[in-house]
Amino acid sequence: MIVSEEGGRHRPEPTRIVVVVPVCNEEQLLPRCLRALRRSADAVAIPVRIQLVLNGCTDGSARVAGPDIEVVTLDEPNVGMARGLGFAAAGAGCGRETWFATTDADSAVDQWWLRRQLRHARRGADIVAGVVRVDDWSASTPVARARYEQRYRRPRGDGHGHVHGANLGFRADIYWDAGGFDALATGEDVDLVERATARGAHLVWAEDVVVTTSGRTEGRAPDGFAAHVRALDQVSEADSA
């Protein structure tokens, strides 16, 4: 069913969803991630495929996935390569009727994560960039937390302005047209969104699409979210010196 036309391009209502999760040594946090994804999948009326990509895992992450979860393995711990492999495995041949989404193994999506992405898609969104909330600030200083929250909520033109690999959705045809995720060790999410919007994709900054993520300061991707949190602590220490 055609539900929206913007810029001369038909946007059909999605009829299936593919969710890709890169996993690098997340045996402890992956069960929470999968429980949340299953709950979100149960809240939509179309089929959802959850695709894990074990990239450079040396722990027991492979044992966590249940029979309802698809798993592929990548030897190299590269998050951009992992996300790309996941969509190549689960979404090859998918077009504009399929909605792609991605999150991280140390994160837990909201129950309405997929339902709200679909709602934005029905209204004409090609890409939905959601927001993240940190689940535990105990590894950081109170000043770092205050600084993060102040900066995160700062107005940025027509939306929140944050792109997180832990909370991103897009139409399959838009993804393929942009060339997919590049094999970047970090920043693969921003890179994809920049390439897609440069080609005319309609991006929605969605504050109602929420993911809770780990507040750890030692992450899996160099210069990723954990590095950002750690940098806020370093700034705090410099301010108090």
C-alpha atoms as a PDB file:
ATOM      1  CA  MET A   1       0.000   0.000   0.000  1.00  0.00           C
ATOM      2  CA  ILE A   2       1.358   3.441  -0.946  1.00  0.00           C
ATOM      3  CA  VAL A   3       1.053   5.704   2.056  1.00  0.00           C
ATOM      4  CA  SER A   4       3.283   8.655   1.230  1.00  0.00           C
ATOM      5  CA  GLU A   5       4.864  10.459  -1.664  1.00  0.00           C
ATOM      6  CA  GLU A   6       7.671  12.950  -1.126  1.00  0.00           C
ATOM      7  CA  GLY A   7      10.096  14.240  -3.713  1.00  0.00           C
ATOM      8  CA  GLY A   8       8.336  12.187  -6.407  1.00  0.00           C
ATOM      9  CA  ARG A   9       9.267   8.858  -4.787  1.00  0.00           C
ATOM     10  CA  HIS A  10       6.641   6.325  -3.677  1.00  0.00           C
ATOM     11  CA  ARG A  11       7.021   4.997  -0.147  1.00  0.00           C
ATOM     12  CA  PRO A  12       5.111   1.782   0.509  1.00  0.00           C
ATOM     13  CA  GLU A  13       4.261   0.693   4.014  1.00  0.00           C
ATOM     14  CA  PRO A  14       6.937  -1.764   5.238  1.00  0.00           C
ATOM     15  CA  THR A  15       5.877  -5.407   5.234  1.00  0.00           C
ATOM     16  CA  ARG A  16       8.888  -6.875   7.043  1.00  0.00           C
ATOM     17  CA  ILE A  17      11.740  -5.761   9.314  1.00  0.00           C
ATOM     18  CA  VAL A  18      15.374  -6.816   9.552  1.00  0.00           C
ATOM     19  CA  VAL A  19      17.306  -5.876  12.704  1.00  0.00           C
ATOM     20  CA  VAL A  20      21.098  -6.246  12.719  1.00  0.00           C
ATOM     21  CA  VAL A  21      23.127  -6.357  15.947  1.00  0.00           C
ATOM     22  CA  PRO A  22      26.945  -6.444  15.881  1.00  0.00           C
ATOM     23  CA  VAL A  23      28.341  -8.388  18.831  1.00  0.00           C
ATOM     24  CA  CYS A  24      31.911  -8.226  20.114  1.00  0.00           C
ATOM     25  CA  ASN A  25      32.411 -10.030  23.444  1.00  0.00           C
ATOM     26  CA  GLU A  26      29.017  -9.123  24.917  1.00  0.00           C
ATOM     27  CA  GLU A  27      28.146 -12.375  26.679  1.00  0.00           C
ATOM     28  CA  GLN A  28      27.010 -10.494  29.801  1.00  0.00           C
ATOM     29  CA  LEU A  29      24.890  -7.778  28.152  1.00  0.00           C
ATOM     30  CA  LEU A  30      23.588  -9.599  25.066  1.00  0.00           C
ATOM     31  CA  PRO A  31      20.741 -11.426  26.888  1.00  0.00           C
ATOM     32  CA  ARG A  32      19.227  -8.073  27.923  1.00  0.00           C
ATOM     33  CA  CYS A  33      19.561  -6.816  24.348  1.00  0.00           C
ATOM     34  CA  LEU A  34      17.780  -9.838  22.889  1.00  0.00           C
ATOM     35  CA  ARG A  35      14.962  -9.778  25.457  1.00  0.00           C
ATOM     36  CA  ALA A  36      14.275  -6.157  24.576  1.00  0.00           C
ATOM     37  CA  LEU A  37      14.362  -6.854  20.838  1.00  0.00           C
ATOM     38  CA  ARG A  38      11.940  -9.757  21.141  1.00  0.00           C
ATOM     39  CA  ARG A  39       9.568  -7.583  23.151  1.00  0.00           C
ATOM     40  CA  SER A  40       9.734  -4.839  20.534  1.00  0.00           C
ATOM     41  CA  ALA A  41       9.225  -7.349  17.715  1.00  0.00           C
ATOM     42  CA  ASP A  42       6.118  -8.680  19.462  1.00  0.00           C
ATOM     43  CA  ALA A  43       4.652  -5.159  19.392  1.00  0.00           C
ATOM     44  CA  VAL A  44       4.482  -4.989  15.575  1.00  0.00           C
ATOM     45  CA  ALA A  45       2.211  -6.899  13.220  1.00  0.00           C
ATOM     46  CA  ILE A  46       4.793  -7.726  10.525  1.00  0.00           C
ATOM     47  CA  PRO A  47       7.614 -10.308  10.508  1.00  0.00           C
ATOM     48  CA  VAL A  48      10.884  -9.342  12.217  1.00  0.00           C
ATOM     49  CA  ARG A  49      14.212 -11.062  11.597  1.00  0.00           C
ATOM     50  CA  ILE A  50      16.926 -10.470  14.201  1.00  0.00           C
ATOM     51  CA  GLN A  51      20.401 -10.960  12.771  1.00  0.00           C
ATOM     52  CA  LEU A  52      23.442 -11.133  15.056  1.00  0.00           C
ATOM     53  CA  VAL A  53      26.926 -10.638  13.690  1.00  0.00           C
ATOM     54  CA  LEU A  54      29.615 -12.022  15.978  1.00  0.00           C
ATOM     55  CA  ASN A  55      32.661  -9.942  15.094  1.00  0.00           C
ATOM     56  CA  GLY A  56      35.926 -10.886  16.699  1.00  0.00           C
ATOM     57  CA  CYS A  57      34.238 -12.613  19.646  1.00  0.00           C
ATOM     58  CA  THR A  58      36.422 -14.611  22.015  1.00  0.00           C
ATOM     59  CA  ASP A  59      33.837 -15.114  24.782  1.00  0.00           C
ATOM     60  CA  GLY A  60      30.592 -17.092  24.988  1.00  0.00           C
ATOM     61  CA  SER A  61      28.394 -14.650  23.050  1.00  0.00           C
ATOM     62  CA  ALA A  62      27.616 -17.340  20.467  1.00  0.00           C
ATOM     63  CA  ARG A  63      25.860 -19.430  23.133  1.00  0.00           C
ATOM     64  CA  VAL A  64      23.442 -16.645  24.085  1.00  0.00           C
ATOM     65  CA  ALA A  65      21.378 -16.535  20.881  1.00  0.00           C
ATOM     66  CA  GLY A  66      18.267 -18.715  20.878  1.00  0.00           C
ATOM     67  CA  PRO A  67      16.817 -20.722  17.975  1.00  0.00           C
ATOM     68  CA  ASP A  68      14.811 -17.699  16.806  1.00  0.00           C
ATOM     69  CA  ILE A  69      17.948 -15.615  16.226  1.00  0.00           C
ATOM     70  CA  GLU A  70      20.065 -15.762  13.060  1.00  0.00           C
ATOM     71  CA  VAL A  71      23.851 -15.661  13.569  1.00  0.00           C
ATOM     72  CA  VAL A  72      26.765 -15.017  11.223  1.00  0.00           C
ATOM     73  CA  THR A  73      30.422 -14.740  12.199  1.00  0.00           C
ATOM     74  CA  LEU A  74      33.123 -12.268  11.271  1.00  0.00           C
ATOM     75  CA  ASP A  75      36.692 -12.799  12.449  1.00  0.00           C
ATOM     76  CA  GLU A  76      37.614  -9.130  12.401  1.00  0.00           C
ATOM     77  CA  PRO A  77      36.323  -6.839  15.218  1.00  0.00           C
ATOM     78  CA  ASN A  78      35.113  -4.063  12.911  1.00  0.00           C
ATOM     79  CA  VAL A  79      31.665  -2.635  13.654  1.00  0.00           C
ATOM     80  CA  GLY A  80      31.084  -1.115  10.220  1.00  0.00           C
ATOM     81  CA  MET A  81      32.006  -4.357   8.524  1.00  0.00           C
ATOM     82  CA  ALA A  82      29.795  -6.266  10.970  1.00  0.00           C
ATOM     83  CA  ARG A  83      26.700  -4.152  10.354  1.00  0.00           C
ATOM     84  CA  GLY A  84      27.283  -4.398   6.614  1.00  0.00           C
ATOM     85  CA  LEU A  85      27.660  -8.177   6.751  1.00  0.00           C
ATOM     86  CA  GLY A  86      24.483  -8.452   8.792  1.00  0.00           C
ATOM     87  CA  PHE A  87      22.366  -6.618   6.235  1.00  0.00           C
ATOM     88  CA  ALA A  88      24.029  -8.469   3.372  1.00  0.00           C
ATOM     89  CA  ALA A  89      23.134 -11.774   5.050  1.00  0.00           C
ATOM     90  CA  ALA A  90      19.599 -10.939   6.170  1.00  0.00           C
ATOM     91  CA  GLY A  91      18.504  -8.301   3.711  1.00  0.00           C
ATOM     92  CA  ALA A  92      20.004  -9.181   0.343  1.00  0.00           C
ATOM     93  CA  GLY A  93      17.369  -8.581  -2.321  1.00  0.00           C
ATOM     94  CA  CYS A  94      15.186  -6.496  -0.006  1.00  0.00           C
ATOM     95  CA  GLY A  95      13.726  -3.286  -1.422  1.00  0.00           C
ATOM     96  CA  ARG A  96      11.613  -0.404  -0.229  1.00  0.00           C
ATOM     97  CA  GLU A  97       8.989  -2.701   1.318  1.00  0.00           C
ATOM     98  CA  THR A  98      11.542  -3.751   3.982  1.00  0.00           C
ATOM     99  CA  TRP A  99      12.533  -1.676   6.981  1.00  0.00           C
ATOM    100  CA  PHE A 100      16.095  -2.091   8.244  1.00  0.00           C
ATOM    101  CA  ALA A 101      17.086  -1.268  11.824  1.00  0.00           C
ATOM    102  CA  THR A 102      20.227  -1.650  13.874  1.00  0.00           C
ATOM    103  CA  THR A 103      21.218  -1.466  17.517  1.00  0.00           C
ATOM    104  CA  ASP A 104      24.147  -2.557  19.698  1.00  0.00           C
ATOM    105  CA  ALA A 105      24.612  -5.607  21.909  1.00  0.00           C
ATOM    106  CA  ASP A 106      25.213  -3.475  25.025  1.00  0.00           C
ATOM    107  CA  SER A 107      21.900  -1.685  24.519  1.00  0.00           C
ATOM    108  CA  ALA A 108      18.208  -2.353  25.194  1.00  0.00           C
ATOM    109  CA  VAL A 109      15.579  -0.990  22.827  1.00  0.00           C
ATOM    110  CA  ASP A 110      12.290   0.411  24.077  1.00  0.00           C
ATOM    111  CA  GLN A 111       9.214  -1.820  23.741  1.00  0.00           C
ATOM    112  CA  TRP A 112       7.824   0.532  21.082  1.00  0.00           C
ATOM    113  CA  TRP A 113      11.156   0.933  19.261  1.00  0.00           C
ATOM    114  CA  LEU A 114      10.061  -0.788  16.062  1.00  0.00           C
ATOM    115  CA  ARG A 115       6.433   0.333  16.174  1.00  0.00           C
ATOM    116  CA  ARG A 116       7.453   3.980  16.362  1.00  0.00           C
ATOM    117  CA  GLN A 117       9.984   3.602  13.573  1.00  0.00           C
ATOM    118  CA  LEU A 118       7.243   2.163  11.387  1.00  0.00           C
ATOM    119  CA  ARG A 119       4.975   5.069  12.276  1.00  0.00           C
ATOM    120  CA  HIS A 120       7.641   7.505  11.060  1.00  0.00           C
ATOM    121  CA  ALA A 121       8.113   5.391   7.923  1.00  0.00           C
ATOM    122  CA  ARG A 122       4.385   5.601   7.180  1.00  0.00           C
ATOM    123  CA  ARG A 123       4.652   9.374   7.438  1.00  0.00           C
ATOM    124  CA  GLY A 124       7.397   9.452   4.832  1.00  0.00           C
ATOM    125  CA  ALA A 125      10.672   8.905   6.695  1.00  0.00           C
ATOM    126  CA  ASP A 126      13.493   7.176   4.856  1.00  0.00           C
ATOM    127  CA  ILE A 127      15.817   7.242   7.888  1.00  0.00           C
ATOM    128  CA  VAL A 128      14.894   7.406  11.566  1.00  0.00           C
ATOM    129  CA  ALA A 129      17.603   8.514  13.991  1.00  0.00           C
ATOM    130  CA  GLY A 130      16.530   7.919  17.587  1.00  0.00           C
ATOM    131  CA  VAL A 131      17.955   8.935  20.948  1.00  0.00           C
ATOM    132  CA  VAL A 132      19.891   7.041  23.609  1.00  0.00           C
ATOM    133  CA  ARG A 133      19.712   7.068  27.378  1.00  0.00           C
ATOM    134  CA  VAL A 134      22.588   5.894  29.549  1.00  0.00           C
ATOM    135  CA  ASP A 135      21.558   3.138  31.947  1.00  0.00           C
ATOM    136  CA  ASP A 136      24.239   3.562  34.614  1.00  0.00           C
ATOM    137  CA  TRP A 137      26.557   6.492  35.279  1.00  0.00           C
ATOM    138  CA  SER A 138      28.456   4.851  38.129  1.00  0.00           C
ATOM    139  CA  ALA A 139      31.645   4.593  36.029  1.00  0.00           C
ATOM    140  CA  SER A 140      31.698   8.369  35.472  1.00  0.00           C
ATOM    141  CA  THR A 141      31.747  11.497  37.595  1.00  0.00           C
ATOM    142  CA  PRO A 142      28.574  13.495  38.355  1.00  0.00           C
ATOM    143  CA  VAL A 143      30.058  16.411  36.426  1.00  0.00           C
ATOM    144  CA  ALA A 144      30.531  14.237  33.328  1.00  0.00           C
ATOM    145  CA  ARG A 145      26.912  13.109  33.523  1.00  0.00           C
ATOM    146  CA  ALA A 146      25.643  16.673  33.878  1.00  0.00           C
ATOM    147  CA  ARG A 147      27.781  17.829  30.967  1.00  0.00           C
ATOM    148  CA  TYR A 148      26.572  14.965  28.762  1.00  0.00           C
ATOM    149  CA  GLU A 149      22.899  15.596  29.487  1.00  0.00           C
ATOM    150  CA  GLN A 150      23.248  19.329  28.972  1.00  0.00           C
ATOM    151  CA  ARG A 151      24.962  18.911  25.608  1.00  0.00           C
ATOM    152  CA  TYR A 152      22.651  16.122  24.460  1.00  0.00           C
ATOM    153  CA  ARG A 153      19.538  18.213  24.947  1.00  0.00           C
ATOM    154  CA  ARG A 154      20.964  21.315  23.325  1.00  0.00           C
ATOM    155  CA  PRO A 155      18.717  22.363  20.406  1.00  0.00           C
ATOM    156  CA  ARG A 156      20.200  21.596  16.974  1.00  0.00           C
ATOM    157  CA  GLY A 157      18.117  23.196  14.264  1.00  0.00           C
ATOM    158  CA  ASP A 158      15.189  20.968  13.322  1.00  0.00           C
ATOM    159  CA  GLY A 159      15.949  18.050  15.661  1.00  0.00           C
ATOM    160  CA  HIS A 160      18.208  16.458  18.259  1.00  0.00           C
ATOM    161  CA  GLY A 161      20.986  15.986  15.684  1.00  0.00           C
ATOM    162  CA  HIS A 162      22.472  12.748  17.087  1.00  0.00           C
ATOM    163  CA  VAL A 163      23.236   9.656  14.991  1.00  0.00           C
ATOM    164  CA  HIS A 164      23.701   6.445  16.977  1.00  0.00           C
ATOM    165  CA  GLY A 165      24.395   3.018  15.548  1.00  0.00           C
ATOM    166  CA  ALA A 166      22.546   1.775  18.630  1.00  0.00           C
ATOM    167  CA  ASN A 167      19.336   3.453  17.442  1.00  0.00           C
ATOM    168  CA  LEU A 168      18.973   3.757  13.702  1.00  0.00           C
ATOM    169  CA  GLY A 169      16.409   2.655  11.118  1.00  0.00           C
ATOM    170  CA  PHE A 170      16.098   3.096   7.347  1.00  0.00           C
ATOM    171  CA  ARG A 171      14.380   1.749   4.277  1.00  0.00           C
ATOM    172  CA  ALA A 172      16.250  -1.073   2.581  1.00  0.00           C
ATOM    173  CA  ASP A 173      16.303   0.621  -0.835  1.00  0.00           C
ATOM    174  CA  ILE A 174      17.747   3.792   0.718  1.00  0.00           C
ATOM    175  CA  TYR A 175      20.443   1.705   2.407  1.00  0.00           C
ATOM    176  CA  TRP A 176      21.462  -0.065  -0.800  1.00  0.00           C
ATOM    177  CA  ASP A 177      21.311   3.140  -2.834  1.00  0.00           C
ATOM    178  CA  ALA A 178      23.733   4.807  -0.387  1.00  0.00           C
ATOM    179  CA  GLY A 179      26.150   1.904  -0.677  1.00  0.00           C
ATOM    180  CA  GLY A 180      25.537   0.346   2.751  1.00  0.00           C
ATOM    181  CA  PHE A 181      27.812   0.518   5.767  1.00  0.00           C
ATOM    182  CA  ASP A 182      31.473   1.032   5.045  1.00  0.00           C
ATOM    183  CA  ALA A 183      34.072  -1.082   6.869  1.00  0.00           C
ATOM    184  CA  LEU A 184      34.843   1.633   9.406  1.00  0.00           C
ATOM    185  CA  ALA A 185      36.031   0.820  12.925  1.00  0.00           C
ATOM    186  CA  THR A 186      33.987   3.762  14.223  1.00  0.00           C
ATOM    187  CA  GLY A 187      31.681   6.421  12.803  1.00  0.00           C
ATOM    188  CA  GLU A 188      30.058   4.029  10.347  1.00  0.00           C
ATOM    189  CA  ASP A 189      26.603   5.234  11.423  1.00  0.00           C
ATOM    190  CA  VAL A 190      27.257   8.932  10.754  1.00  0.00           C
ATOM    191  CA  ASP A 191      28.984   8.071   7.482  1.00  0.00           C
ATOM    192  CA  LEU A 192      25.966   6.115   6.204  1.00  0.00           C
ATOM    193  CA  VAL A 193      23.476   8.821   7.159  1.00  0.00           C
ATOM    194  CA  GLU A 194      25.578  11.529   5.509  1.00  0.00           C
ATOM    195  CA  ARG A 195      25.808   9.564   2.263  1.00  0.00           C
ATOM    196  CA  ALA A 196      22.093   8.733   2.252  1.00  0.00           C
ATOM    197  CA  THR A 197      20.900  12.273   2.965  1.00  0.00           C
ATOM    198  CA  ALA A 198      23.295  13.628   0.334  1.00  0.00           C
ATOM    199  CA  ARG A 199      21.331  11.491  -2.128  1.00  0.00           C
ATOM    200  CA  GLY A 200      18.027  12.979  -0.988  1.00  0.00           C
ATOM    201  CA  ALA A 201      16.899  10.588   1.758  1.00  0.00           C
ATOM    202  CA  HIS A 202      14.384  12.078   4.187  1.00  0.00           C
ATOM    203  CA  LEU A 203      15.833  11.940   7.724  1.00  0.00           C
ATOM    204  CA  VAL A 204      13.693  12.204  10.850  1.00  0.00           C
ATOM    205  CA  TRP A 205      15.222  13.051  14.251  1.00  0.00           C
ATOM    206  CA  ALA A 206      12.919  10.925  16.412  1.00  0.00           C
ATOM    207  CA  GLU A 207      12.936  11.644  20.136  1.00  0.00           C
ATOM    208  CA  ASP A 208      10.172   9.083  20.672  1.00  0.00           C
ATOM    209  CA  VAL A 209      12.404   6.226  19.425  1.00  0.00           C
ATOM    210  CA  VAL A 210      14.456   5.352  22.492  1.00  0.00           C
ATOM    211  CA  VAL A 211      17.301   2.972  23.339  1.00  0.00           C
ATOM    212  CA  THR A 212      19.020   2.528  26.697  1.00  0.00           C
ATOM    213  CA  THR A 213      22.744   1.934  26.365  1.00  0.00           C
ATOM    214  CA  SER A 214      25.680   1.052  28.586  1.00  0.00           C
ATOM    215  CA  GLY A 215      27.466   3.864  30.412  1.00  0.00           C
ATOM    216  CA  ARG A 216      30.775   2.021  30.412  1.00  0.00           C
ATOM    217  CA  THR A 217      33.903   3.975  29.590  1.00  0.00           C
ATOM    218  CA  GLU A 218      35.741   1.100  27.903  1.00  0.00           C
ATOM    219  CA  GLY A 219      33.862   0.128  24.775  1.00  0.00           C
ATOM    220  CA  ARG A 220      34.381  -2.125  21.783  1.00  0.00           C
ATOM    221  CA  ALA A 221      34.761   0.501  19.030  1.00  0.00           C
ATOM    222  CA  PRO A 222      37.600   3.026  19.123  1.00  0.00           C
ATOM    223  CA  ASP A 223      36.270   6.582  19.447  1.00  0.00           C
ATOM    224  CA  GLY A 224      32.758   5.211  19.938  1.00  0.00           C
ATOM    225  CA  PHE A 225      30.155   6.092  22.564  1.00  0.00           C
ATOM    226  CA  ALA A 226      32.248   4.796  25.466  1.00  0.00           C
ATOM    227  CA  ALA A 227      35.151   6.963  24.348  1.00  0.00           C
ATOM    228  CA  HIS A 228      32.812   9.965  24.259  1.00  0.00           C
ATOM    229  CA  VAL A 229      31.696   9.286  27.844  1.00  0.00           C
ATOM    230  CA  ARG A 230      35.307   8.809  28.922  1.00  0.00           C
ATOM    231  CA  ALA A 231      36.288  12.115  27.297  1.00  0.00           C
ATOM    232  CA  LEU A 232      33.635  13.924  29.325  1.00  0.00           C
ATOM    233  CA  ASP A 233      35.273  12.593  32.484  1.00  0.00           C
ATOM    234  CA  GLN A 234      38.654  13.817  31.292  1.00  0.00           C
ATOM    235  CA  VAL A 235      37.218  17.263  30.629  1.00  0.00           C
ATOM    236  CA  SER A 236      35.701  17.231  34.107  1.00  0.00           C
ATOM    237  CA  GLU A 237      39.060  16.431  35.675  1.00  0.00           C
ATOM    238  CA  ALA A 238      40.723  19.227  33.696  1.00  0.00           C
ATOM    239  CA  ASP A 239      38.059  21.692  34.849  1.00  0.00           C
ATOM    240  CA  SER A 240      38.635  20.799  38.493  1.00  0.00           C
ATOM    241  CA  ALA A 241      42.443  20.905  38.304  1.00  0.00           C
END
